[in-house]
C-alpha atoms as a PDB file:
ATOM      1  CA  MET A   1     -81.566 106.497 -33.009  1.00  0.00           C
ATOM      2  CA  GLU A   2     -81.164 109.473 -35.310  1.00  0.00           C
ATOM      3  CA  ASN A   3     -77.683 110.820 -35.939  1.00  0.00           C
ATOM      4  CA  SER A   4     -78.692 114.146 -34.408  1.00  0.00           C
ATOM      5  CA  ARG A   5     -79.637 112.301 -31.235  1.00  0.00           C
ATOM      6  CA  TYR A   6     -76.266 110.538 -31.119  1.00  0.00           C
ATOM      7  CA  LEU A   7     -74.511 113.895 -31.465  1.00  0.00           C
ATOM      8  CA  ASP A   8     -76.592 115.401 -28.667  1.00  0.00           C
ATOM      9  CA  CYS A   9     -75.713 112.475 -26.398  1.00  0.00           C
ATOM     10  CA  LEU A  10     -72.055 112.726 -27.394  1.00  0.00           C
ATOM     11  CA  ALA A  11     -71.996 116.416 -26.462  1.00  0.00           C
ATOM     12  CA  ALA A  12     -73.669 115.860 -23.096  1.00  0.00           C
ATOM     13  CA  ASP A  13     -71.441 112.941 -22.114  1.00  0.00           C
ATOM     14  CA  PHE A  14     -68.280 114.679 -23.256  1.00  0.00           C
ATOM     15  CA  ALA A  15     -69.200 117.747 -21.204  1.00  0.00           C
ATOM     16  CA  ARG A  16     -69.657 115.583 -18.115  1.00  0.00           C
ATOM     17  CA  LEU A  17     -66.400 113.675 -18.724  1.00  0.00           C
ATOM     18  CA  ARG A  18     -64.541 116.931 -19.281  1.00  0.00           C
ATOM     19  CA  ALA A  19     -65.951 118.381 -16.077  1.00  0.00           C
ATOM     20  CA  VAL A  20     -64.758 115.581 -13.806  1.00  0.00           C
ATOM     21  CA  VAL A  21     -61.315 114.643 -15.149  1.00  0.00           C
ATOM     22  CA  PRO A  22     -59.098 117.707 -14.488  1.00  0.00           C
ATOM     23  CA  ALA A  23     -59.094 117.527 -10.692  1.00  0.00           C
ATOM     24  CA  SER A  24     -58.522 113.759 -10.524  1.00  0.00           C
ATOM     25  CA  LEU A  25     -55.840 112.933 -13.095  1.00  0.00           C
ATOM     26  CA  THR A  26     -53.760 110.825 -10.706  1.00  0.00           C
ATOM     27  CA  ALA A  27     -56.723 108.836  -9.348  1.00  0.00           C
ATOM     28  CA  PRO A  28     -57.126 105.187 -10.356  1.00  0.00           C
ATOM     29  CA  VAL A  29     -60.077 104.196 -12.537  1.00  0.00           C
ATOM     30  CA  PRO A  30     -61.721 101.180 -10.860  1.00  0.00           C
ATOM     31  CA  THR A  31     -63.419  99.968 -14.046  1.00  0.00           C
ATOM     32  CA  CYS A  32     -60.167 100.171 -16.056  1.00  0.00           C
ATOM     33  CA  PRO A  33     -57.602  98.289 -13.936  1.00  0.00           C
ATOM     34  CA  GLY A  34     -54.131  99.766 -14.197  1.00  0.00           C
ATOM     35  CA  TRP A  35     -55.321 103.097 -15.556  1.00  0.00           C
ATOM     36  CA  THR A  36     -55.290 106.484 -13.904  1.00  0.00           C
ATOM     37  CA  MET A  37     -57.663 109.246 -14.897  1.00  0.00           C
ATOM     38  CA  ALA A  38     -54.829 110.710 -16.973  1.00  0.00           C
ATOM     39  CA  ASP A  39     -54.589 107.419 -18.883  1.00  0.00           C
ATOM     40  CA  LEU A  40     -58.353 107.425 -19.465  1.00  0.00           C
ATOM     41  CA  THR A  41     -58.283 111.040 -20.628  1.00  0.00           C
ATOM     42  CA  ARG A  42     -55.439 110.359 -23.043  1.00  0.00           C
ATOM     43  CA  HIS A  43     -57.161 107.219 -24.363  1.00  0.00           C
ATOM     44  CA  VAL A  44     -60.381 109.067 -25.192  1.00  0.00           C
ATOM     45  CA  GLY A  45     -58.430 111.827 -26.937  1.00  0.00           C
ATOM     46  CA  GLU A  46     -56.440 109.310 -28.966  1.00  0.00           C
ATOM     47  CA  VAL A  47     -59.653 107.501 -29.958  1.00  0.00           C
ATOM     48  CA  TYR A  48     -61.217 110.750 -31.170  1.00  0.00           C
ATOM     49  CA  LEU A  49     -58.124 111.578 -33.211  1.00  0.00           C
ATOM     50  CA  HIS A  50     -57.996 108.067 -34.667  1.00  0.00           C
ATOM     51  CA  LYS A  51     -61.599 108.232 -35.894  1.00  0.00           C
ATOM     52  CA  THR A  52     -61.095 111.725 -37.286  1.00  0.00           C
ATOM     53  CA  VAL A  53     -58.252 110.414 -39.425  1.00  0.00           C
ATOM     54  CA  ALA A  54     -60.323 107.366 -40.434  1.00  0.00           C
ATOM     55  CA  MET A  55     -63.017 109.674 -41.816  1.00  0.00           C
ATOM     56  CA  ARG A  56     -60.589 112.115 -43.429  1.00  0.00           C
ATOM     57  CA  GLU A  57     -58.382 109.504 -45.096  1.00  0.00           C
ATOM     58  CA  GLY A  58     -60.912 106.723 -45.687  1.00  0.00           C
ATOM     59  CA  ALA A  59     -58.991 104.130 -43.669  1.00  0.00           C
ATOM     60  CA  GLU A  60     -58.114 103.588 -40.021  1.00  0.00           C
ATOM     61  CA  PRO A  61     -54.504 104.691 -39.423  1.00  0.00           C
ATOM     62  CA  GLU A  62     -52.005 102.079 -38.330  1.00  0.00           C
ATOM     63  CA  PRO A  63     -49.903 101.961 -36.250  1.00  0.00           C
ATOM     64  CA  TRP A  64     -51.588 104.087 -33.628  1.00  0.00           C
ATOM     65  CA  PRO A  65     -51.092 106.277 -31.647  1.00  0.00           C
ATOM     66  CA  PRO A  66     -48.284 108.446 -33.035  1.00  0.00           C
ATOM     67  CA  LYS A  67     -45.393 108.700 -30.600  1.00  0.00           C
ATOM     68  CA  GLU A  68     -45.635 112.497 -30.351  1.00  0.00           C
ATOM     69  CA  LEU A  69     -49.043 112.302 -28.677  1.00  0.00           C
ATOM     70  CA  ALA A  70     -47.336 110.965 -25.541  1.00  0.00           C
ATOM     71  CA  ASP A  71     -45.800 114.413 -24.988  1.00  0.00           C
ATOM     72  CA  GLU A  72     -49.117 116.255 -25.036  1.00  0.00           C
ATOM     73  CA  GLU A  73     -50.863 117.070 -21.764  1.00  0.00           C
ATOM     74  CA  PRO A  74     -53.895 114.735 -21.485  1.00  0.00           C
ATOM     75  CA  VAL A  75     -56.649 117.331 -21.043  1.00  0.00           C
ATOM     76  CA  ALA A  76     -55.251 119.510 -23.828  1.00  0.00           C
ATOM     77  CA  LEU A  77     -55.110 116.448 -26.073  1.00  0.00           C
ATOM     78  CA  LEU A  78     -58.705 115.588 -25.201  1.00  0.00           C
ATOM     79  CA  ASP A  79     -59.940 119.101 -25.988  1.00  0.00           C
ATOM     80  CA  ARG A  80     -58.058 119.268 -29.282  1.00  0.00           C
ATOM     81  CA  ALA A  81     -59.230 115.837 -30.338  1.00  0.00           C
ATOM     82  CA  TYR A  82     -62.879 116.483 -29.513  1.00  0.00           C
ATOM     83  CA  ALA A  83     -62.874 119.764 -31.431  1.00  0.00           C
ATOM     84  CA  GLY A  84     -61.386 117.978 -34.435  1.00  0.00           C
ATOM     85  CA  LEU A  85     -63.927 115.175 -34.231  1.00  0.00           C
ATOM     86  CA  LEU A  86     -66.853 117.591 -34.172  1.00  0.00           C
ATOM     87  CA  ALA A  87     -65.391 119.537 -37.071  1.00  0.00           C
ATOM     88  CA  GLU A  88     -65.074 116.350 -39.108  1.00  0.00           C
ATOM     89  CA  PHE A  89     -68.659 115.335 -38.350  1.00  0.00           C
ATOM     90  CA  ALA A  90     -69.873 118.825 -39.311  1.00  0.00           C
ATOM     91  CA  ALA A  91     -68.010 118.718 -42.627  1.00  0.00           C
ATOM     92  CA  ARG A  92     -69.529 115.407 -43.724  1.00  0.00           C
ATOM     93  CA  GLN A  93     -72.862 113.672 -44.155  1.00  0.00           C
ATOM     94  CA  PRO A  94     -73.614 110.498 -42.168  1.00  0.00           C
ATOM     95  CA  ALA A  95     -73.792 108.492 -45.400  1.00  0.00           C
ATOM     96  CA  ASP A  96     -70.356 109.651 -46.575  1.00  0.00           C
ATOM     97  CA  PRO A  97     -67.693 106.931 -46.760  1.00  0.00           C
ATOM     98  CA  ALA A  98     -65.296 106.419 -43.865  1.00  0.00           C
ATOM     99  CA  GLY A  99     -62.883 103.645 -43.043  1.00  0.00           C
ATOM    100  CA  SER A 100     -63.810 101.360 -40.154  1.00  0.00           C
ATOM    101  CA  TRP A 101     -63.022  97.897 -38.833  1.00  0.00           C
ATOM    102  CA  TYR A 102     -66.710  97.020 -39.143  1.00  0.00           C
ATOM    103  CA  THR A 103     -66.997  96.016 -42.791  1.00  0.00           C
ATOM    104  CA  PRO A 104     -70.836  96.079 -42.979  1.00  0.00           C
ATOM    105  CA  ASP A 105     -70.856  99.838 -42.315  1.00  0.00           C
ATOM    106  CA  GLN A 106     -68.117 102.000 -43.808  1.00  0.00           C
ATOM    107  CA  THR A 107     -69.773 105.372 -43.228  1.00  0.00           C
ATOM    108  CA  VAL A 108     -69.426 108.487 -41.107  1.00  0.00           C
ATOM    109  CA  GLY A 109     -72.684 107.483 -39.443  1.00  0.00           C
ATOM    110  CA  PHE A 110     -70.986 104.409 -38.016  1.00  0.00           C
ATOM    111  CA  TRP A 111     -68.477 106.628 -36.229  1.00  0.00           C
ATOM    112  CA  ILE A 112     -71.166 109.020 -35.014  1.00  0.00           C
ATOM    113  CA  ARG A 113     -72.867 106.114 -33.279  1.00  0.00           C
ATOM    114  CA  ARG A 114     -69.618 104.550 -32.086  1.00  0.00           C
ATOM    115  CA  MET A 115     -68.272 107.776 -30.597  1.00  0.00           C
ATOM    116  CA  ALA A 116     -71.527 108.453 -28.748  1.00  0.00           C
ATOM    117  CA  GLN A 117     -71.351 104.976 -27.231  1.00  0.00           C
ATOM    118  CA  GLU A 118     -67.607 105.198 -26.568  1.00  0.00           C
ATOM    119  CA  THR A 119     -68.072 108.458 -24.731  1.00  0.00           C
ATOM    120  CA  VAL A 120     -70.924 107.411 -22.464  1.00  0.00           C
ATOM    121  CA  ILE A 121     -68.961 104.377 -21.260  1.00  0.00           C
ATOM    122  CA  HIS A 122     -65.827 106.385 -20.588  1.00  0.00           C
ATOM    123  CA  ARG A 123     -67.875 109.143 -18.977  1.00  0.00           C
ATOM    124  CA  ILE A 124     -69.005 106.513 -16.466  1.00  0.00           C
ATOM    125  CA  ASP A 125     -65.373 105.453 -16.000  1.00  0.00           C
ATOM    126  CA  ALA A 126     -64.411 109.062 -15.312  1.00  0.00           C
ATOM    127  CA  GLU A 127     -67.188 109.575 -12.782  1.00  0.00           C
ATOM    128  CA  LEU A 128     -66.204 106.417 -10.927  1.00  0.00           C
ATOM    129  CA  GLY A 129     -62.532 107.387 -10.984  1.00  0.00           C
ATOM    130  CA  ALA A 130     -63.323 110.859  -9.680  1.00  0.00           C
ATOM    131  CA  GLY A 131     -65.625 109.525  -6.985  1.00  0.00           C
ATOM    132  CA  GLN A 132     -68.531 111.462  -8.480  1.00  0.00           C
ATOM    133  CA  PRO A 133     -72.160 110.315  -8.821  1.00  0.00           C
ATOM    134  CA  VAL A 134     -72.804 108.511 -12.094  1.00  0.00           C
ATOM    135  CA  GLN A 135     -75.282 110.588 -14.042  1.00  0.00           C
ATOM    136  CA  PRO A 136     -78.196 108.724 -15.676  1.00  0.00           C
ATOM    137  CA  VAL A 137     -77.806 107.230 -19.136  1.00  0.00           C
ATOM    138  CA  PRO A 138     -80.837 107.958 -21.356  1.00  0.00           C
ATOM    139  CA  ALA A 139     -82.853 104.820 -22.028  1.00  0.00           C
ATOM    140  CA  ASP A 140     -82.634 105.104 -25.822  1.00  0.00           C
ATOM    141  CA  LEU A 141     -78.846 105.456 -25.727  1.00  0.00           C
ATOM    142  CA  ALA A 142     -78.519 102.552 -23.291  1.00  0.00           C
ATOM    143  CA  ILE A 143     -80.693 100.227 -25.398  1.00  0.00           C
ATOM    144  CA  ASP A 144     -78.746 101.164 -28.502  1.00  0.00           C
ATOM    145  CA  GLY A 145     -75.491 100.545 -26.656  1.00  0.00           C
ATOM    146  CA  ILE A 146     -76.541  97.040 -25.637  1.00  0.00           C
ATOM    147  CA  ASP A 147     -77.551  96.330 -29.237  1.00  0.00           C
ATOM    148  CA  GLU A 148     -74.248  97.657 -30.568  1.00  0.00           C
ATOM    149  CA  LEU A 149     -72.161  95.634 -28.137  1.00  0.00           C
ATOM    150  CA  LEU A 150     -73.922  92.335 -28.832  1.00  0.00           C
ATOM    151  CA  LYS A 151     -74.173  92.660 -32.616  1.00  0.00           C
ATOM    152  CA  VAL A 152     -71.372  94.965 -33.777  1.00  0.00           C
ATOM    153  CA  PHE A 153     -68.703  93.977 -31.288  1.00  0.00           C
ATOM    154  CA  VAL A 154     -69.297  90.382 -30.272  1.00  0.00           C
ATOM    155  CA  ALA A 155     -71.297  88.713 -33.047  1.00  0.00           C
ATOM    156  CA  PHE A 156     -69.254  90.371 -35.791  1.00  0.00           C
ATOM    157  CA  SER A 157     -65.949  89.646 -34.068  1.00  0.00           C
ATOM    158  CA  VAL A 158     -66.737  85.953 -33.615  1.00  0.00           C
ATOM    159  CA  ALA A 159     -67.816  85.668 -37.260  1.00  0.00           C
ATOM    160  CA  GLU A 160     -64.799  87.603 -38.554  1.00  0.00           C
ATOM    161  CA  TRP A 161     -62.015  86.583 -36.163  1.00  0.00           C
ATOM    162  CA  GLY A 162     -63.246  83.282 -34.754  1.00  0.00           C
ATOM    163  CA  ASP A 163     -59.769  82.032 -33.850  1.00  0.00           C
ATOM    164  CA  TYR A 164     -59.561  84.605 -31.055  1.00  0.00           C
ATOM    165  CA  PHE A 165     -62.543  82.972 -29.357  1.00  0.00           C
ATOM    166  CA  THR A 166     -61.334  79.366 -29.547  1.00  0.00           C
ATOM    167  CA  ASP A 167     -60.566  79.062 -25.838  1.00  0.00           C
ATOM    168  CA  VAL A 168     -64.026  80.339 -24.922  1.00  0.00           C
ATOM    169  CA  LEU A 169     -66.323  78.827 -27.516  1.00  0.00           C
ATOM    170  CA  ASP A 170     -64.756  75.603 -28.826  1.00  0.00           C
ATOM    171  CA  GLY A 171     -65.766  73.784 -25.666  1.00  0.00           C
ATOM    172  CA  SER A 172     -69.197  75.353 -25.504  1.00  0.00           C
ATOM    173  CA  PRO A 173     -72.068  72.858 -25.391  1.00  0.00           C
ATOM    174  CA  GLY A 174     -74.234  75.392 -27.230  1.00  0.00           C
ATOM    175  CA  ARG A 175     -76.072  77.843 -25.021  1.00  0.00           C
ATOM    176  CA  SER A 176     -78.833  80.408 -25.301  1.00  0.00           C
ATOM    177  CA  TYR A 177     -79.193  83.720 -23.506  1.00  0.00           C
ATOM    178  CA  THR A 178     -81.974  86.251 -23.263  1.00  0.00           C
ATOM    179  CA  VAL A 179     -80.930  89.811 -22.503  1.00  0.00           C
ATOM    180  CA  ARG A 180     -84.016  91.817 -21.644  1.00  0.00           C
ATOM    181  CA  THR A 181     -84.675  95.404 -20.659  1.00  0.00           C
ATOM    182  CA  ASP A 182     -87.555  97.844 -20.817  1.00  0.00           C
ATOM    183  CA  GLY A 183     -88.753  97.922 -24.415  1.00  0.00           C
ATOM    184  CA  ALA A 184     -86.101  95.637 -25.914  1.00  0.00           C
ATOM    185  CA  ALA A 185     -84.792  92.073 -25.815  1.00  0.00           C
ATOM    186  CA  TRP A 186     -82.156  89.993 -27.573  1.00  0.00           C
ATOM    187  CA  ARG A 187     -81.616  86.239 -27.897  1.00  0.00           C
ATOM    188  CA  VAL A 188     -77.976  85.157 -28.050  1.00  0.00           C
ATOM    189  CA  ARG A 189     -76.908  81.667 -29.119  1.00  0.00           C
ATOM    190  CA  THR A 190     -73.381  80.404 -28.677  1.00  0.00           C
ATOM    191  CA  GLY A 191     -71.424  77.325 -29.647  1.00  0.00           C
ATOM    192  CA  PRO A 192     -68.113  76.448 -31.313  1.00  0.00           C
ATOM    193  CA  ARG A 193     -67.242  79.482 -33.494  1.00  0.00           C
ATOM    194  CA  ARG A 194     -70.786  80.742 -32.978  1.00  0.00           C
ATOM    195  CA  PHE A 195     -72.224  83.886 -31.402  1.00  0.00           C
ATOM    196  CA  GLU A 196     -75.510  84.807 -33.022  1.00  0.00           C
ATOM    197  CA  VAL A 197     -77.833  87.595 -31.950  1.00  0.00           C
ATOM    198  CA  THR A 198     -81.472  88.061 -32.906  1.00  0.00           C
ATOM    199  CA  ASP A 199     -83.965  90.650 -31.736  1.00  0.00           C
ATOM    200  CA  GLY A 200     -86.634  89.559 -29.291  1.00  0.00           C
ATOM    201  CA  PRO A 201     -86.585  87.119 -26.369  1.00  0.00           C
ATOM    202  CA  GLY A 202     -86.642  84.033 -28.594  1.00  0.00           C
ATOM    203  CA  ASP A 203     -88.533  80.786 -28.130  1.00  0.00           C
ATOM    204  CA  GLY A 204     -88.104  78.323 -25.303  1.00  0.00           C
ATOM    205  CA  THR A 205     -86.320  78.730 -22.001  1.00  0.00           C
ATOM    206  CA  PRO A 206     -82.797  80.156 -22.282  1.00  0.00           C
ATOM    207  CA  ASP A 207     -79.852  78.897 -20.292  1.00  0.00           C
ATOM    208  CA  VAL A 208     -79.264  82.399 -18.923  1.00  0.00           C
ATOM    209  CA  THR A 209     -81.561  85.394 -18.547  1.00  0.00           C
ATOM    210  CA  VAL A 210     -80.200  88.887 -17.922  1.00  0.00           C
ATOM    211  CA  THR A 211     -82.833  91.485 -17.005  1.00  0.00           C
ATOM    212  CA  GLY A 212     -82.859  95.023 -15.688  1.00  0.00           C
ATOM    213  CA  PRO A 213     -83.400  98.680 -16.579  1.00  0.00           C
ATOM    214  CA  PRO A 214     -81.609  99.870 -19.749  1.00  0.00           C
ATOM    215  CA  GLU A 215     -78.785 101.722 -18.001  1.00  0.00           C
ATOM    216  CA  ALA A 216     -78.161  98.861 -15.584  1.00  0.00           C
ATOM    217  CA  VAL A 217     -77.986  96.276 -18.372  1.00  0.00           C
ATOM    218  CA  LEU A 218     -75.691  98.521 -20.434  1.00  0.00           C
ATOM    219  CA  ARG A 219     -73.326  98.858 -17.504  1.00  0.00           C
ATOM    220  CA  TRP A 220     -73.514  95.105 -16.819  1.00  0.00           C
ATOM    221  CA  VAL A 221     -72.603  94.059 -20.360  1.00  0.00           C
ATOM    222  CA  TRP A 222     -69.765  96.608 -20.406  1.00  0.00           C
ATOM    223  CA  ASN A 223     -68.634  95.626 -16.883  1.00  0.00           C
ATOM    224  CA  ARG A 224     -69.092  99.207 -15.653  1.00  0.00           C
ATOM    225  CA  GLN A 225     -71.020  98.529 -12.477  1.00  0.00           C
ATOM    226  CA  SER A 226     -70.105 100.589  -9.433  1.00  0.00           C
ATOM    227  CA  PRO A 227     -67.726  98.525  -7.274  1.00  0.00           C
ATOM    228  CA  GLY A 228     -69.423  97.296  -4.119  1.00  0.00           C
ATOM    229  CA  GLU A 229     -72.874  98.582  -5.091  1.00  0.00           C
ATOM    230  CA  PRO A 230     -75.918  96.667  -6.357  1.00  0.00           C
ATOM    231  CA  GLY A 231     -76.024  96.819 -10.127  1.00  0.00           C
ATOM    232  CA  GLY A 232     -79.778  96.586 -10.636  1.00  0.00           C
ATOM    233  CA  VAL A 233     -79.454  93.563 -12.936  1.00  0.00           C
ATOM    234  CA  THR A 234     -80.874  90.102 -12.296  1.00  0.00           C
ATOM    235  CA  VAL A 235     -78.917  87.200 -13.793  1.00  0.00           C
ATOM    236  CA  ASP A 236     -80.492  83.745 -13.753  1.00  0.00           C
ATOM    237  CA  GLY A 237     -78.474  80.789 -14.994  1.00  0.00           C
ATOM    238  CA  ALA A 238     -75.484  78.572 -14.365  1.00  0.00           C
ATOM    239  CA  PRO A 239     -72.286  80.483 -13.477  1.00  0.00           C
ATOM    240  CA  ASP A 240     -70.263  78.749 -16.205  1.00  0.00           C
ATOM    241  CA  ALA A 241     -72.779  79.833 -18.832  1.00  0.00           C
ATOM    242  CA  VAL A 242     -72.714  83.421 -17.566  1.00  0.00           C
ATOM    243  CA  GLU A 243     -68.913  83.315 -17.631  1.00  0.00           C
ATOM    244  CA  GLU A 244     -68.965  82.188 -21.274  1.00  0.00           C
ATOM    245  CA  LEU A 245     -70.982  85.258 -22.242  1.00  0.00           C
ATOM    246  CA  HIS A 246     -68.761  87.591 -20.250  1.00  0.00           C
ATOM    247  CA  ARG A 247     -65.554  86.166 -21.714  1.00  0.00           C
ATOM    248  CA  CYS A 248     -66.871  86.620 -25.245  1.00  0.00           C
ATOM    249  CA  ILE A 249     -67.687  90.249 -24.471  1.00  0.00           C
ATOM    250  CA  VAL A 250     -64.278  90.922 -22.930  1.00  0.00           C
ATOM    251  CA  LEU A 251     -62.418  89.427 -25.893  1.00  0.00           C
ATOM    252  CA  ALA A 252     -64.509  91.358 -28.403  1.00  0.00           C
ATOM    253  CA  THR A 253     -64.057  94.716 -26.666  1.00  0.00           C
ATOM    254  CA  GLN A 254     -60.362  94.600 -25.791  1.00  0.00           C
END
């Protein structure tokens, strides 16, 4: 996806998130156990501020968040943070340097992509928390989001911080997964300290196949399916193998 496309998606998803949160701040968010809509709103604002500082100062600020943010009203914090994020994007080129936890890409463009994907997922959270219909996710954004989760979050995290995945992967017999959607597919291979992702369905029969429309697969991998409703994803494979994939995703995205 082009950076301009990410920014367009970011704007649309932020507008939807911003429209549904104010009237439901005390409501629980079913896809974020323990959070209210106020907590979700504050989290998104704090994330925007954190990435703005990472671009401005060239390194991600730690510790985070600053204590004074707890005193700011959540919606006001969200609005201020989003305005600052857009201003920072406008003042820089995508290729400009920016600090990030993802060492292969230390650019502003990384954060443009990441914030577009962050926002669409939390927009879905907000809609579910507010009891509103979940608006469609564009296919290109959904496919990109699946790709980002598998490669940037999980594969990189296992390679970089393998000790965190010991309980999940050290006992793995070595498994293969095909994640397939309209116009895209990925082959995942796991094993002790291993989570490798390649484009395409791969050769041979995988242990697990996950198939569905782009939005449905995005919501499945991010565990953002509507509670009690069919998710539109077909999962074929042994439950313990499916659980291994899910646990890797959860650890990498915490």
